[in-house]
């Protein structure tokens, strides 16, 4: 079973990506993705 999550840039707090993940995993996603607002690759973390 998968759930929708939103990941947020750690630097500018903009919500850039919508992903799906495993519902039963307990840790939050943390990915290095491109932020169009910052115009560079930054750490993005899952919000709840």
PDB file of N, CA and C in Angstrom:
ATOM      1  N   UNK A   1       0.838  -1.168   0.000  1.00  0.00           N
ATOM      2  CA  UNK A   1       0.000   0.000   0.000  1.00  0.00           C
ATOM      3  C   UNK A   1       0.894   1.246   0.000  1.00  0.00           C
ATOM      4  N   UNK A   2       0.540   2.247  -0.814  1.00  0.00           N
ATOM      5  CA  UNK A   2       1.370   3.444  -0.935  1.00  0.00           C
ATOM      6  C   UNK A   2       0.547   4.683  -0.601  1.00  0.00           C
ATOM      7  N   UNK A   3       1.236   5.694  -0.075  1.00  0.00           N
ATOM      8  CA  UNK A   3       0.580   6.952   0.260  1.00  0.00           C
ATOM      9  C   UNK A   3       1.283   8.103  -0.445  1.00  0.00           C
ATOM     10  N   UNK A   4       0.554   9.178  -0.679  1.00  0.00           N
ATOM     11  CA  UNK A   4       1.120  10.369  -1.300  1.00  0.00           C
ATOM     12  C   UNK A   4       1.807  11.211  -0.230  1.00  0.00           C
ATOM     13  N   UNK A   5       2.980  11.739  -0.561  1.00  0.00           N
ATOM     14  CA  UNK A   5       3.704  12.634   0.340  1.00  0.00           C
ATOM     15  C   UNK A   5       4.205  13.836  -0.447  1.00  0.00           C
ATOM     16  N   UNK A   6       4.435  14.922   0.263  1.00  0.00           N
ATOM     17  CA  UNK A   6       4.992  16.136  -0.319  1.00  0.00           C
ATOM     18  C   UNK A   6       6.365  16.336   0.302  1.00  0.00           C
ATOM     19  N   UNK A   7       7.367  16.645  -0.528  1.00  0.00           N
ATOM     20  CA  UNK A   7       8.683  16.926   0.031  1.00  0.00           C
ATOM     21  C   UNK A   7       8.985  18.410  -0.141  1.00  0.00           C
ATOM     22  N   UNK A   8       9.657  18.972   0.877  1.00  0.00           N
ATOM     23  CA  UNK A   8       9.880  20.411   0.988  1.00  0.00           C
ATOM     24  C   UNK A   8      11.372  20.701   1.011  1.00  0.00           C
ATOM     25  N   UNK A   9      11.759  21.752   0.315  1.00  0.00           N
ATOM     26  CA  UNK A   9      13.150  22.196   0.318  1.00  0.00           C
ATOM     27  C   UNK A   9      13.525  22.679   1.717  1.00  0.00           C
ATOM     28  N   UNK A  10      14.686  22.278   2.199  1.00  0.00           N
ATOM     29  CA  UNK A  10      15.128  22.672   3.534  1.00  0.00           C
ATOM     30  C   UNK A  10      15.597  24.124   3.583  1.00  0.00           C
ATOM     31  N   UNK A  11      16.032  24.686   2.478  1.00  0.00           N
ATOM     32  CA  UNK A  11      16.549  26.053   2.479  1.00  0.00           C
ATOM     33  C   UNK A  11      15.453  27.100   2.328  1.00  0.00           C
ATOM     34  N   UNK A  12      14.570  26.937   1.336  1.00  0.00           N
ATOM     35  CA  UNK A  12      13.566  27.970   1.072  1.00  0.00           C
ATOM     36  C   UNK A  12      12.151  27.555   1.485  1.00  0.00           C
ATOM     37  N   UNK A  13      11.966  26.339   1.945  1.00  0.00           N
ATOM     38  CA  UNK A  13      10.673  25.816   2.406  1.00  0.00           C
ATOM     39  C   UNK A  13       9.605  25.756   1.316  1.00  0.00           C
ATOM     40  N   UNK A  14       9.995  25.703   0.049  1.00  0.00           N
ATOM     41  CA  UNK A  14       8.999  25.582  -1.022  1.00  0.00           C
ATOM     42  C   UNK A  14       8.664  24.114  -1.243  1.00  0.00           C
ATOM     43  N   UNK A  15       7.391  23.855  -1.536  1.00  0.00           N
ATOM     44  CA  UNK A  15       6.902  22.489  -1.753  1.00  0.00           C
ATOM     45  C   UNK A  15       7.018  22.184  -3.232  1.00  0.00           C
ATOM     46  N   UNK A  16       8.043  21.418  -3.597  1.00  0.00           N
ATOM     47  CA  UNK A  16       8.365  21.225  -5.007  1.00  0.00           C
ATOM     48  C   UNK A  16       7.897  19.909  -5.593  1.00  0.00           C
ATOM     49  N   UNK A  17       7.877  18.844  -4.820  1.00  0.00           N
ATOM     50  CA  UNK A  17       7.628  17.523  -5.370  1.00  0.00           C
ATOM     51  C   UNK A  17       6.537  16.789  -4.608  1.00  0.00           C
ATOM     52  N   UNK A  18       5.761  15.977  -5.347  1.00  0.00           N
ATOM     53  CA  UNK A  18       4.747  15.091  -4.788  1.00  0.00           C
ATOM     54  C   UNK A  18       5.152  13.680  -5.181  1.00  0.00           C
ATOM     55  N   UNK A  19       5.330  12.802  -4.190  1.00  0.00           N
ATOM     56  CA  UNK A  19       5.779  11.438  -4.428  1.00  0.00           C
ATOM     57  C   UNK A  19       4.859  10.458  -3.721  1.00  0.00           C
ATOM     58  N   UNK A  20       5.070   9.164  -3.987  1.00  0.00           N
ATOM     59  CA  UNK A  20       4.393   8.128  -3.220  1.00  0.00           C
ATOM     60  C   UNK A  20       5.447   7.308  -2.509  1.00  0.00           C
ATOM     61  N   UNK A  21       5.075   6.781  -1.351  1.00  0.00           N
ATOM     62  CA  UNK A  21       6.015   5.948  -0.604  1.00  0.00           C
ATOM     63  C   UNK A  21       5.256   4.842   0.098  1.00  0.00           C
ATOM     64  N   UNK A  22       5.994   3.881   0.619  1.00  0.00           N
ATOM     65  CA  UNK A  22       5.431   2.765   1.351  1.00  0.00           C
ATOM     66  C   UNK A  22       4.772   3.280   2.630  1.00  0.00           C
ATOM     67  N   UNK A  23       3.535   2.888   2.857  1.00  0.00           N
ATOM     68  CA  UNK A  23       2.775   3.380   4.008  1.00  0.00           C
ATOM     69  C   UNK A  23       3.351   2.888   5.331  1.00  0.00           C
ATOM     70  N   UNK A  24       3.972   1.730   5.339  1.00  0.00           N
ATOM     71  CA  UNK A  24       4.402   1.105   6.585  1.00  0.00           C
ATOM     72  C   UNK A  24       5.831   1.431   6.990  1.00  0.00           C
ATOM     73  N   UNK A  25       6.579   2.169   6.171  1.00  0.00           N
ATOM     74  CA  UNK A  25       7.927   2.559   6.595  1.00  0.00           C
ATOM     75  C   UNK A  25       7.806   3.706   7.602  1.00  0.00           C
ATOM     76  N   UNK A  26       8.603   3.654   8.645  1.00  0.00           N
ATOM     77  CA  UNK A  26       8.460   4.606   9.746  1.00  0.00           C
ATOM     78  C   UNK A  26       9.316   5.856   9.580  1.00  0.00           C
ATOM     79  N   UNK A  27      10.426   5.777   8.848  1.00  0.00           N
ATOM     80  CA  UNK A  27      11.271   6.960   8.710  1.00  0.00           C
ATOM     81  C   UNK A  27      10.762   7.858   7.581  1.00  0.00           C
ATOM     82  N   UNK A  28      11.066   9.121   7.685  1.00  0.00           N
ATOM     83  CA  UNK A  28      10.651  10.086   6.675  1.00  0.00           C
ATOM     84  C   UNK A  28      11.643  10.114   5.528  1.00  0.00           C
ATOM     85  N   UNK A  29      11.138  10.467   4.352  1.00  0.00           N
ATOM     86  CA  UNK A  29      12.004  10.576   3.184  1.00  0.00           C
ATOM     87  C   UNK A  29      12.895  11.804   3.296  1.00  0.00           C
ATOM     88  N   UNK A  30      14.130  11.672   2.849  1.00  0.00           N
ATOM     89  CA  UNK A  30      15.056  12.795   2.748  1.00  0.00           C
ATOM     90  C   UNK A  30      15.875  12.563   1.481  1.00  0.00           C
ATOM     91  N   UNK A  31      15.634  13.390   0.469  1.00  0.00           N
ATOM     92  CA  UNK A  31      16.280  13.220  -0.827  1.00  0.00           C
ATOM     93  C   UNK A  31      16.965  14.516  -1.257  1.00  0.00           C
ATOM     94  N   UNK A  32      18.020  14.379  -2.050  1.00  0.00           N
ATOM     95  CA  UNK A  32      18.653  15.552  -2.643  1.00  0.00           C
ATOM     96  C   UNK A  32      18.042  15.732  -4.022  1.00  0.00           C
ATOM     97  N   UNK A  33      17.265  16.812  -4.183  1.00  0.00           N
ATOM     98  CA  UNK A  33      16.566  17.092  -5.426  1.00  0.00           C
ATOM     99  C   UNK A  33      16.857  18.529  -5.855  1.00  0.00           C
ATOM    100  N   UNK A  34      16.549  18.817  -7.120  1.00  0.00           N
ATOM    101  CA  UNK A  34      16.724  20.170  -7.649  1.00  0.00           C
ATOM    102  C   UNK A  34      15.564  21.052  -7.193  1.00  0.00           C
ATOM    103  N   UNK A  35      15.886  22.237  -6.669  1.00  0.00           N
ATOM    104  CA  UNK A  35      14.876  23.208  -6.267  1.00  0.00           C
ATOM    105  C   UNK A  35      14.866  24.332  -7.290  1.00  0.00           C
ATOM    106  N   UNK A  36      13.751  24.526  -8.013  1.00  0.00           N
ATOM    107  CA  UNK A  36      13.713  25.595  -9.012  1.00  0.00           C
ATOM    108  C   UNK A  36      13.758  26.996  -8.408  1.00  0.00           C
ATOM    109  N   UNK A  37      13.298  27.152  -7.191  1.00  0.00           N
ATOM    110  CA  UNK A  37      13.328  28.473  -6.558  1.00  0.00           C
ATOM    111  C   UNK A  37      14.754  28.852  -6.142  1.00  0.00           C
ATOM    112  N   UNK A  38      15.494  27.899  -5.559  1.00  0.00           N
ATOM    113  CA  UNK A  38      16.897  28.137  -5.170  1.00  0.00           C
ATOM    114  C   UNK A  38      17.849  28.028  -6.364  1.00  0.00           C
ATOM    115  N   UNK A  39      17.399  27.341  -7.394  1.00  0.00           N
ATOM    116  CA  UNK A  39      18.190  27.046  -8.586  1.00  0.00           C
ATOM    117  C   UNK A  39      19.444  26.247  -8.283  1.00  0.00           C
ATOM    118  N   UNK A  40      19.319  25.253  -7.383  1.00  0.00           N
ATOM    119  CA  UNK A  40      20.415  24.337  -7.095  1.00  0.00           C
ATOM    120  C   UNK A  40      19.860  23.068  -6.448  1.00  0.00           C
ATOM    121  N   UNK A  41      20.710  22.071  -6.290  1.00  0.00           N
ATOM    122  CA  UNK A  41      20.309  20.815  -5.661  1.00  0.00           C
ATOM    123  C   UNK A  41      20.402  20.992  -4.148  1.00  0.00           C
ATOM    124  N   UNK A  42      19.301  20.726  -3.454  1.00  0.00           N
ATOM    125  CA  UNK A  42      19.252  20.874  -2.002  1.00  0.00           C
ATOM    126  C   UNK A  42      18.585  19.645  -1.387  1.00  0.00           C
ATOM    127  N   UNK A  43      18.654  19.548  -0.095  1.00  0.00           N
ATOM    128  CA  UNK A  43      18.000  18.466   0.623  1.00  0.00           C
ATOM    129  C   UNK A  43      16.514  18.771   0.736  1.00  0.00           C
ATOM    130  N   UNK A  44      15.685  17.792   0.401  1.00  0.00           N
ATOM    131  CA  UNK A  44      14.234  17.899   0.506  1.00  0.00           C
ATOM    132  C   UNK A  44      13.760  16.830   1.484  1.00  0.00           C
ATOM    133  N   UNK A  45      12.910  17.218   2.433  1.00  0.00           N
ATOM    134  CA  UNK A  45      12.396  16.282   3.425  1.00  0.00           C
ATOM    135  C   UNK A  45      10.882  16.179   3.341  1.00  0.00           C
ATOM    136  N   UNK A  46      10.390  15.031   3.747  1.00  0.00           N
ATOM    137  CA  UNK A  46       8.945  14.765   3.729  1.00  0.00           C
ATOM    138  C   UNK A  46       8.218  15.574   4.806  1.00  0.00           C
ATOM    139  N   UNK A  47       7.039  16.077   4.448  1.00  0.00           N
ATOM    140  CA  UNK A  47       6.187  16.753   5.413  1.00  0.00           C
ATOM    141  C   UNK A  47       5.006  15.867   5.747  1.00  0.00           C
ATOM    142  N   UNK A  48       4.308  16.212   6.817  1.00  0.00           N
ATOM    143  CA  UNK A  48       3.142  15.415   7.210  1.00  0.00           C
ATOM    144  C   UNK A  48       1.914  16.276   7.207  1.00  0.00           C
TER     145      UNK A  48
END
